[in-house]
Structures are given as C-alpha cells and as structure tokens.
Amino acid sequence: MPTTLDATTALTANRLGLAAIVVFAALTPSLLMTAPVVAAQLASQLALSPAQIGQLFSAELGAMSLATVPAWFWLRRVAPRRAALLAALLFIAGNIASATVASYPPLLVLRFLTALGGGSLMILCMASAANLPNPSRVYGLWLLGQLVLGALGLALLPGLFARHGLSACYLSLAALALLALPLTRAFPASLLTQQQAADAPLHKGKALLGLAAVLCFYLSLSGVWTFIGAIAQASGIDSNASGRVLALATLMGILGAALATGLGARLPRNTLLVLGFAVMGGSILALRGQLPLARFALAAMAFKLMWTFVLPLVLATLADLDRSGRLMNAINLMIGAGLAAGPAIAGHMLQATGSAGSSLLAGAAMSLLALLLILCCRASGRTLH
C-alpha cells in the first residue's frame, strides 16, 4: 500500500509540475507571440515610431535572454518554488504597471523588468521539464501551449484593444499569471535529486555541441520565417493569399508540436530528428526562385510543421545531457541570440544580393548543421526516450 500511495503521489506531482511548465511557458513569451497586433496598437494608441516599437520588443526579447545571467547564480542557491513565486510576482507587477503608463521611456523600462521575470520563469520551466519523465512529450506540450496561446491572442486582442485599449493586453497577462500563481508550488523542491547528483557530471564537449545546435537552429528558423512574407511578395503572390497561407501555417505549427508530443517517445528519436530536419531543410530550399502559390503554400506549411516538430526533440536530447538546469539556462541565451541574429544576418544577405536565394541556402545549411551537431551530442550509455 505505501508503494501504491507513493506512486500515486509522484504521478500527481508530475501532472501538476507539467501543468505549471505548460502554463507559465505559454504566458511569459505571449507578448512576443502576438507582436503584430500589439505593435499596431502601440503605433495607433501611443503614437510610437517603428524604431521605438522595434526597441520595445528587442528590450523584451533581450531581457528574457539576459535572465540567463542572474540565473547562473540563483539556480543552485534558491529553491525553484521560491524562485518561481518571486519571478511570477515580478511578471504580474510589471504588467499591471505597464497598463498604467502612457509614455515610451517608462514603458521601455517596465517591459524590460517584466521580461526579466518572464525569462526567469521560462528558465525554470525548461529546467524542470528536463527532470520529468518523457521529456520529448513535455517539451512538445511546452511549445504547444505557447503556440495555442499566441494564436488565441492574435484572434482576441484586436477586439479587446477596440474596447479597452492597450491596457487590456497587459492586464490580461497579469490576471492569467495571478490565476496561475498557485502552480508555483508545483515546481520541484530541487532541480537535482540525490540520484541525479551521483550521476556522471555534464560532458562539456557535448554541452557545447548542443548549444551550437540550438543557435544554428534558431538562426535558420528566424532568418527564414522573418522574411517569408517578403519572399511571397517577390514572387508576385497577393498579400491576402500569402496571409491566408501563413495563417494556415500557424495551425500546422500547432500540429507539429502535437505530433512531437505524441510520437516523441514511441519512435526512435534519431529517426524522427533526421526526418524532421530533412523536411525542414527541403522546405527552405523549396522557397527559392519564382514561386507559384501552391509551392509557396506547401513549403511554408511544411517549414512551420517541421520546426515545431523537431524543437521538442532537440530540447529533449539536451535534457538527457544535464538534469541540473545549467544547460537549459544556457540554452535560453542561445535561443535569444539566434532569434536576434537570424533576421539581421538574413536581412543583410537579402539586401546585398537583391534576392532571398543566398539567405535561404544559408538557412538550409544552418538546419543541416544543427542536425549534425545534435546527433553528435546525443548522450551515450543510457536509454533515451
């Protein structure tokens, strides 16, 4: 009976922990996931210039990435539950305060501080996911929550903005985080159990390969997706038609994360990684040249489907290397660096050559390099799921 009770207690704790990971991982980047409609509202309501809007989102993304730096200190010193509570309170307070300001300088500072809290929560979510059973399924749900909430935000925010203005976005985030606050107790008491502490230490060479893989993956992803609308326009595809294609691609992204959740532990991960990256690279190459609408639609939807499919598998592979949270903390920084640098590099290449051909070749090459690096850093000597 005690064994049965212990198993039931562990199962309940895992489910609550999974709920905390999915909910907080969905909430913290939601403003970035709904950037198009939020940017339009910032321009119309606060009369911000494009440069100011860009700086605002850059500050938010930068702060979420820079949360890695203080996390090097507190990950081993502060209990995850306490850290989650403090980060969530900062996220809530920052969003409430953001709803009360109507000028650019204080809003910039508040969004930076709020994103520091959000980034800290994201680090805790990624590190905690590494300690749950079947990490490929957990990271699939981690991504799925972000995509679903982002899609809901894009659909609902325009109506809320029309009725209540920009504050509706910030207050909604604060309210949702406040409702989720009890879930901070579902984070683990410690990121490293005694058994895991007794395991072999982190292999630094493989960890560096994994970090490089994540950087290459996000360089490819962000460099291609940022300019996919411009690629359609250069081929003479109507903006309304390309908009419908990209809306369908968003649904394909949700499907990709759901597939990773369902298939991640049922089929060999190496096989899924190779297939996923092969289709992703092929879809990038299919975007080259003069595109008919059908080819553009297939390539865009395949690209979105596959990057959301392979990302949970990549993160699960890296979770097998380290359960302490150190590697996932560094990965958070690589994600931010890739998201920031990818569009800049692709934009310079596009401007220099006058077409997207070279940047797409570079994107396909980066995806291939990411695959090779992630296969090289697979942990050995243990059963992987």
Protein backbone atom coordinates (compact mmCIF):
# COMPACT_ATOMS: atom_id res chain seq x y z
CA MET A 1 0.00 0.00 0.00
CA PRO A 2 2.74 2.56 0.83
CA THR A 3 4.31 1.82 -2.57
CA THR A 4 0.98 2.42 -4.31
CA LEU A 5 0.45 5.66 -2.38
CA ASP A 6 3.98 6.84 -3.21
CA ALA A 7 3.42 6.10 -6.89
CA THR A 8 0.09 7.95 -6.88
CA THR A 9 1.65 10.92 -5.12
CA ALA A 10 4.53 11.02 -7.62
CA LEU A 11 2.11 10.82 -10.56
CA THR A 12 0.03 13.69 -9.18
CA ALA A 13 3.16 15.78 -8.58
CA ASN A 14 4.35 15.11 -12.14
CA ARG A 15 0.99 16.17 -13.58
CA LEU A 16 0.91 19.36 -11.53
CA GLY A 17 4.52 20.06 -12.46
CA LEU A 18 3.67 19.57 -16.12
CA ALA A 19 0.72 21.96 -15.79
CA ALA A 20 2.98 24.60 -14.21
CA ILE A 21 5.53 24.23 -17.02
CA VAL A 22 2.94 24.48 -19.81
CA VAL A 23 1.03 27.41 -18.27
CA PHE A 24 3.98 29.61 -17.33
CA ALA A 25 5.91 28.80 -20.52
CA ALA A 26 2.85 29.90 -22.51
CA LEU A 27 2.32 33.12 -20.57
CA THR A 28 5.84 34.54 -20.44
CA PRO A 29 6.54 34.96 -24.21
CA SER A 30 2.92 35.66 -25.18
CA LEU A 31 3.53 39.35 -25.90
CA LEU A 32 6.24 38.39 -28.40
CA MET A 33 3.95 35.74 -29.91
CA THR A 34 1.29 38.41 -30.51
CA ALA A 35 3.76 41.09 -31.65
CA PRO A 36 1.96 42.05 -34.92
CA VAL A 37 -1.29 43.15 -33.25
CA VAL A 38 0.44 44.64 -30.19
CA ALA A 39 2.80 46.64 -32.43
CA ALA A 40 -0.15 48.06 -34.38
CA GLN A 41 -1.85 49.12 -31.14
CA LEU A 42 1.35 50.73 -29.82
CA ALA A 43 1.56 52.77 -33.01
CA SER A 44 -2.08 53.87 -33.03
CA GLN A 45 -2.63 54.50 -29.32
CA LEU A 46 0.76 55.76 -28.10
CA ALA A 47 1.92 57.14 -31.47
CA LEU A 48 5.22 55.27 -31.21
CA SER A 49 7.54 55.24 -34.21
CA PRO A 50 8.59 51.98 -35.88
CA ALA A 51 12.04 52.37 -34.32
CA GLN A 52 10.57 52.76 -30.83
CA ILE A 53 8.30 49.75 -31.30
CA GLY A 54 11.25 47.70 -32.50
CA GLN A 55 13.31 48.77 -29.49
CA LEU A 56 10.44 47.86 -27.18
CA PHE A 57 10.21 44.31 -28.49
CA SER A 58 14.01 44.00 -28.65
CA ALA A 59 14.19 45.02 -24.99
CA GLU A 60 11.60 42.38 -24.12
CA LEU A 61 13.42 39.64 -26.04
CA GLY A 62 16.79 40.78 -24.73
CA ALA A 63 15.64 40.76 -21.11
CA MET A 64 14.19 37.25 -21.44
CA SER A 65 17.56 36.09 -22.77
CA LEU A 66 19.62 38.07 -20.26
CA ALA A 67 17.67 36.42 -17.44
CA THR A 68 20.21 33.64 -18.02
CA VAL A 69 22.96 35.72 -16.37
CA PRO A 70 21.48 36.07 -12.85
CA ALA A 71 20.14 32.52 -13.15
CA TRP A 72 23.71 31.23 -13.09
CA PHE A 73 23.78 32.50 -9.51
CA TRP A 74 20.31 31.61 -8.18
CA LEU A 75 19.63 28.25 -9.87
CA ARG A 76 21.75 26.41 -7.30
CA ARG A 77 21.04 28.68 -4.36
CA VAL A 78 17.31 29.44 -4.46
CA ALA A 79 14.63 26.77 -4.23
CA PRO A 80 12.74 26.52 -7.56
CA ARG A 81 9.37 27.13 -5.90
CA ARG A 82 10.56 30.32 -4.22
CA ALA A 83 12.26 31.49 -7.41
CA ALA A 84 9.09 30.79 -9.41
CA LEU A 85 6.95 32.74 -6.95
CA LEU A 86 9.26 35.76 -6.98
CA ALA A 87 9.59 35.73 -10.78
CA ALA A 88 5.81 35.40 -11.20
CA LEU A 89 5.18 38.31 -8.83
CA LEU A 90 7.63 40.45 -10.82
CA PHE A 91 5.87 39.44 -14.04
CA ILE A 92 2.45 40.32 -12.58
CA ALA A 93 3.58 43.64 -11.07
CA GLY A 94 5.36 44.65 -14.28
CA ASN A 95 2.30 44.00 -16.41
CA ILE A 96 0.00 45.90 -14.06
CA ALA A 97 2.39 48.84 -14.02
CA SER A 98 2.71 48.71 -17.83
CA ALA A 99 -1.05 49.16 -18.11
CA THR A 100 -0.86 52.46 -16.22
CA VAL A 101 1.80 54.29 -18.27
CA ALA A 102 1.21 56.20 -21.48
CA SER A 103 4.73 57.30 -22.47
CA TYR A 104 7.60 55.48 -24.06
CA PRO A 105 10.55 55.75 -21.60
CA PRO A 106 8.81 54.29 -18.53
CA LEU A 107 7.12 51.64 -20.68
CA LEU A 108 10.50 50.55 -22.03
CA VAL A 109 11.90 50.14 -18.50
CA LEU A 110 8.81 48.32 -17.28
CA ARG A 111 8.76 45.89 -20.22
CA PHE A 112 12.45 45.11 -19.63
CA LEU A 113 11.87 44.36 -15.93
CA THR A 114 8.73 42.36 -16.66
CA ALA A 115 10.58 40.26 -19.24
CA LEU A 116 13.33 39.56 -16.70
CA GLY A 117 10.69 37.94 -14.54
CA GLY A 118 9.24 36.12 -17.54
CA GLY A 119 12.66 34.92 -18.65
CA SER A 120 13.40 33.58 -15.18
CA LEU A 121 10.11 31.66 -15.25
CA MET A 122 10.96 30.28 -18.69
CA ILE A 123 14.35 29.05 -17.43
CA LEU A 124 12.62 27.29 -14.53
CA CYS A 125 10.12 25.72 -16.92
CA MET A 126 12.83 24.42 -19.27
CA ALA A 127 14.98 23.13 -16.42
CA SER A 128 12.06 21.48 -14.63
CA ALA A 129 10.90 19.80 -17.85
CA ALA A 130 14.26 18.05 -18.08
CA ASN A 131 13.50 16.21 -14.82
CA LEU A 132 10.07 14.90 -15.78
CA PRO A 133 9.52 11.50 -17.41
CA ASN A 134 9.43 11.54 -21.22
CA PRO A 135 10.97 15.00 -21.82
CA SER A 136 10.15 14.95 -25.55
CA ARG A 137 6.44 14.87 -24.65
CA VAL A 138 6.92 17.57 -22.02
CA TYR A 139 8.77 19.90 -24.39
CA GLY A 140 6.12 19.22 -27.03
CA LEU A 141 3.44 20.44 -24.61
CA TRP A 142 5.76 23.30 -23.55
CA LEU A 143 5.81 24.54 -27.15
CA LEU A 144 2.18 23.66 -27.85
CA GLY A 145 0.98 25.92 -25.03
CA GLN A 146 2.95 28.86 -26.43
CA LEU A 147 1.57 28.37 -29.94
CA VAL A 148 -2.04 27.96 -28.83
CA LEU A 149 -1.99 31.00 -26.53
CA GLY A 150 -0.26 33.02 -29.25
CA ALA A 151 -2.94 32.05 -31.79
CA LEU A 152 -5.71 32.93 -29.32
CA GLY A 153 -4.04 36.26 -28.61
CA LEU A 154 -3.83 37.14 -32.29
CA ALA A 155 -7.53 36.34 -32.65
CA LEU A 156 -8.84 38.01 -29.48
CA LEU A 157 -6.60 41.02 -28.85
CA PRO A 158 -7.87 43.23 -31.72
CA GLY A 159 -11.38 43.12 -30.25
CA LEU A 160 -10.07 43.80 -26.73
CA PHE A 161 -7.96 46.70 -27.99
CA ALA A 162 -11.01 48.23 -29.69
CA ARG A 163 -12.93 48.20 -26.41
CA HIS A 164 -10.29 48.75 -23.73
CA GLY A 165 -7.08 49.88 -25.41
CA LEU A 166 -3.53 48.66 -24.88
CA SER A 167 -4.01 48.07 -21.15
CA ALA A 168 -6.23 45.08 -21.99
CA CYS A 169 -3.16 43.12 -23.12
CA TYR A 170 -1.05 43.84 -20.04
CA LEU A 171 -3.89 43.39 -17.55
CA SER A 172 -4.93 40.11 -19.19
CA LEU A 173 -1.39 38.77 -18.79
CA ALA A 174 -1.31 39.90 -15.16
CA ALA A 175 -4.69 38.30 -14.44
CA LEU A 176 -3.75 35.00 -16.08
CA ALA A 177 -0.44 34.89 -14.19
CA LEU A 178 -2.26 35.69 -10.94
CA LEU A 179 -4.66 32.80 -11.53
CA ALA A 180 -1.68 30.54 -12.22
CA LEU A 181 0.24 31.68 -9.12
CA PRO A 182 -0.69 28.60 -7.01
CA LEU A 183 1.05 26.45 -9.63
CA THR A 184 4.41 27.84 -8.49
CA ARG A 185 4.11 25.27 -5.68
CA ALA A 186 4.12 22.52 -8.32
CA PHE A 187 7.70 23.22 -9.37
CA PRO A 188 10.17 20.72 -7.90
CA ALA A 189 11.63 21.35 -4.48
CA SER A 190 15.05 20.91 -6.06
CA LEU A 191 16.25 20.64 -9.66
CA LEU A 192 18.80 17.96 -8.81
CA THR A 193 17.89 14.82 -6.85
CA GLN A 194 20.47 12.85 -4.89
CA GLN A 195 20.43 10.09 -7.50
CA GLN A 196 20.99 12.55 -10.33
CA ALA A 197 23.75 14.25 -8.39
CA ALA A 198 25.52 10.91 -8.20
CA ASP A 199 25.39 10.50 -11.99
CA ALA A 200 28.28 11.41 -14.27
CA PRO A 201 28.93 15.17 -14.49
CA LEU A 202 27.92 17.18 -17.52
CA HIS A 203 30.09 16.43 -20.56
CA LYS A 204 31.26 19.92 -21.52
CA GLY A 205 32.11 19.00 -25.09
CA LYS A 206 28.65 17.59 -25.77
CA ALA A 207 27.05 20.52 -23.99
CA LEU A 208 28.89 22.96 -26.27
CA LEU A 209 27.79 20.98 -29.32
CA GLY A 210 24.21 21.13 -28.06
CA LEU A 211 24.36 24.88 -27.50
CA ALA A 212 25.78 25.34 -31.01
CA ALA A 213 22.96 23.17 -32.40
CA VAL A 214 20.30 25.34 -30.75
CA LEU A 215 21.96 28.52 -32.01
CA CYS A 216 22.14 27.17 -35.59
CA PHE A 217 18.53 26.00 -35.41
CA TYR A 218 17.22 29.41 -34.33
CA LEU A 219 19.45 31.25 -36.82
CA SER A 220 17.85 29.17 -39.57
CA LEU A 221 14.32 29.46 -38.21
CA SER A 222 14.27 33.20 -37.56
CA GLY A 223 16.21 34.10 -40.69
CA VAL A 224 13.73 32.26 -42.92
CA TRP A 225 10.43 32.99 -41.16
CA THR A 226 11.06 36.73 -40.73
CA PHE A 227 11.23 37.28 -44.49
CA ILE A 228 8.77 34.65 -45.68
CA GLY A 229 6.19 37.34 -46.45
CA ALA A 230 8.77 39.25 -48.50
CA ILE A 231 9.62 36.04 -50.36
CA ALA A 232 5.97 35.65 -51.35
CA GLN A 233 5.78 39.28 -52.39
CA ALA A 234 8.89 38.96 -54.57
CA SER A 235 7.18 36.13 -56.43
CA GLY A 236 4.14 38.29 -57.10
CA ILE A 237 1.88 36.44 -54.66
CA ASP A 238 -1.01 38.58 -53.45
CA SER A 239 -0.68 39.73 -49.83
CA ASN A 240 -4.14 38.43 -48.97
CA ALA A 241 -3.27 35.00 -50.38
CA SER A 242 0.07 34.88 -48.55
CA GLY A 243 -1.67 36.00 -45.35
CA ARG A 244 -4.09 33.08 -45.60
CA VAL A 245 -1.19 30.70 -46.19
CA LEU A 246 0.66 31.99 -43.12
CA ALA A 247 -2.50 31.66 -41.01
CA LEU A 248 -2.76 28.03 -42.10
CA ALA A 249 0.94 27.62 -41.35
CA THR A 250 0.24 28.71 -37.76
CA LEU A 251 -2.19 25.82 -37.43
CA MET A 252 0.44 23.50 -38.91
CA GLY A 253 2.83 24.69 -36.22
CA ILE A 254 0.36 23.65 -33.54
CA LEU A 255 0.04 20.27 -35.28
CA GLY A 256 3.82 19.85 -35.35
CA ALA A 257 4.14 20.37 -31.61
CA ALA A 258 1.24 17.98 -31.04
CA LEU A 259 2.96 15.34 -33.19
CA ALA A 260 6.16 15.71 -31.20
CA THR A 261 4.13 15.27 -28.01
CA GLY A 262 2.51 12.08 -29.29
CA LEU A 263 5.38 10.47 -31.22
CA GLY A 264 8.44 11.63 -29.30
CA ALA A 265 8.67 8.56 -27.07
CA ARG A 266 7.17 5.98 -29.45
CA LEU A 267 9.68 6.07 -32.29
CA PRO A 268 13.50 6.26 -32.31
CA ARG A 269 14.45 9.86 -31.72
CA ASN A 270 17.34 9.81 -34.19
CA THR A 271 14.95 8.74 -36.94
CA LEU A 272 12.49 11.49 -36.07
CA LEU A 273 15.26 14.10 -35.93
CA VAL A 274 16.67 13.13 -39.33
CA LEU A 275 13.24 13.04 -40.97
CA GLY A 276 12.15 16.30 -39.37
CA PHE A 277 15.29 18.22 -40.26
CA ALA A 278 15.29 16.75 -43.79
CA VAL A 279 11.78 18.06 -44.44
CA MET A 280 12.60 21.38 -42.79
CA GLY A 281 15.70 21.86 -44.95
CA GLY A 282 13.84 20.74 -48.07
CA SER A 283 11.02 23.21 -47.40
CA ILE A 284 13.55 26.04 -47.08
CA LEU A 285 15.11 25.15 -50.43
CA ALA A 286 11.63 24.91 -51.98
CA LEU A 287 11.16 28.63 -51.22
CA ARG A 288 13.93 29.59 -53.67
CA GLY A 289 13.24 31.02 -57.10
CA GLN A 290 9.97 32.17 -58.61
CA LEU A 291 7.19 30.62 -56.56
CA PRO A 292 3.70 29.69 -57.68
CA LEU A 293 1.15 29.99 -54.88
CA ALA A 294 0.79 26.22 -54.42
CA ARG A 295 4.52 25.68 -53.97
CA PHE A 296 4.79 28.61 -51.57
CA ALA A 297 1.89 27.26 -49.52
CA LEU A 298 3.33 23.74 -49.30
CA ALA A 299 6.82 24.98 -48.42
CA ALA A 300 5.63 27.47 -45.79
CA MET A 301 3.31 24.96 -44.10
CA ALA A 302 5.92 22.17 -44.19
CA PHE A 303 8.52 24.52 -42.69
CA LYS A 304 6.24 25.57 -39.83
CA LEU A 305 5.13 21.98 -39.22
CA MET A 306 8.67 20.66 -39.03
CA TRP A 307 10.36 23.29 -36.91
CA THR A 308 7.72 22.90 -34.22
CA PHE A 309 8.09 19.12 -34.53
CA VAL A 310 11.89 18.93 -34.19
CA LEU A 311 12.35 21.59 -31.48
CA PRO A 312 10.90 19.47 -28.62
CA LEU A 313 13.08 16.55 -29.78
CA VAL A 314 16.16 18.77 -29.78
CA LEU A 315 15.43 20.03 -26.26
CA ALA A 316 14.71 16.51 -25.02
CA THR A 317 18.07 15.37 -26.40
CA LEU A 318 19.83 18.13 -24.49
CA ALA A 319 17.82 17.35 -21.36
CA ASP A 320 19.39 13.89 -21.42
CA LEU A 321 22.80 15.53 -21.01
CA ASP A 322 22.01 17.52 -17.88
CA ARG A 323 19.19 17.49 -15.31
CA SER A 324 20.53 20.28 -13.09
CA GLY A 325 19.19 23.20 -15.13
CA ARG A 326 22.61 24.60 -16.02
CA LEU A 327 22.45 23.58 -19.67
CA MET A 328 18.82 24.66 -20.11
CA ASN A 329 19.74 28.03 -18.63
CA ALA A 330 22.45 28.46 -21.27
CA ILE A 331 20.06 27.28 -23.99
CA ASN A 332 17.71 30.15 -23.08
CA LEU A 333 20.54 32.54 -24.00
CA MET A 334 21.23 30.72 -27.29
CA ILE A 335 17.55 30.93 -28.23
CA GLY A 336 17.55 34.69 -27.72
CA ALA A 337 20.83 35.10 -29.61
CA GLY A 338 19.54 33.08 -32.55
CA LEU A 339 16.22 34.92 -32.68
CA ALA A 340 18.03 38.27 -32.63
CA ALA A 341 20.88 37.47 -35.03
CA GLY A 342 19.00 35.38 -37.61
CA PRO A 343 16.87 38.18 -39.08
CA ALA A 344 19.81 40.61 -39.03
CA ILE A 345 22.09 38.23 -40.95
CA ALA A 346 19.39 37.21 -43.42
CA GLY A 347 18.40 40.84 -43.94
CA HIS A 348 21.95 41.87 -44.78
CA MET A 349 22.28 38.96 -47.21
CA LEU A 350 18.97 39.80 -48.85
CA GLN A 351 19.95 43.44 -49.22
CA ALA A 352 23.40 42.60 -50.59
CA THR A 353 22.18 40.14 -53.22
CA GLY A 354 18.76 41.57 -54.04
CA SER A 355 17.06 38.19 -53.62
CA ALA A 356 16.41 35.63 -50.90
CA GLY A 357 18.27 32.80 -52.65
CA SER A 358 21.53 33.08 -50.72
CA SER A 359 19.85 33.60 -47.35
CA LEU A 360 17.66 30.55 -47.96
CA LEU A 361 20.72 28.46 -48.83
CA ALA A 362 22.33 29.67 -45.61
CA GLY A 363 19.16 28.79 -43.68
CA ALA A 364 19.11 25.27 -45.13
CA ALA A 365 22.81 24.87 -44.32
CA MET A 366 22.24 26.02 -40.74
CA SER A 367 19.43 23.49 -40.30
CA LEU A 368 21.69 20.71 -41.61
CA LEU A 369 24.50 21.81 -39.29
CA ALA A 370 22.05 21.85 -36.36
CA LEU A 371 21.08 18.26 -37.14
CA LEU A 372 24.69 17.08 -37.32
CA LEU A 373 25.56 18.83 -34.05
CA ILE A 374 22.55 17.44 -32.18
CA LEU A 375 23.31 13.90 -33.38
CA CYS A 376 26.92 14.28 -32.24
CA CYS A 377 25.91 15.37 -28.74
CA ARG A 378 23.48 12.50 -28.10
CA ALA A 379 24.19 11.08 -24.64
CA SER A 380 25.60 7.58 -24.68
CA GLY A 381 25.37 4.72 -22.30
CA ARG A 382 21.76 5.26 -21.24
CA THR A 383 18.31 4.60 -22.58
CA LEU A 384 16.84 7.64 -24.26
CA HIS A 385 13.16 8.32 -24.85
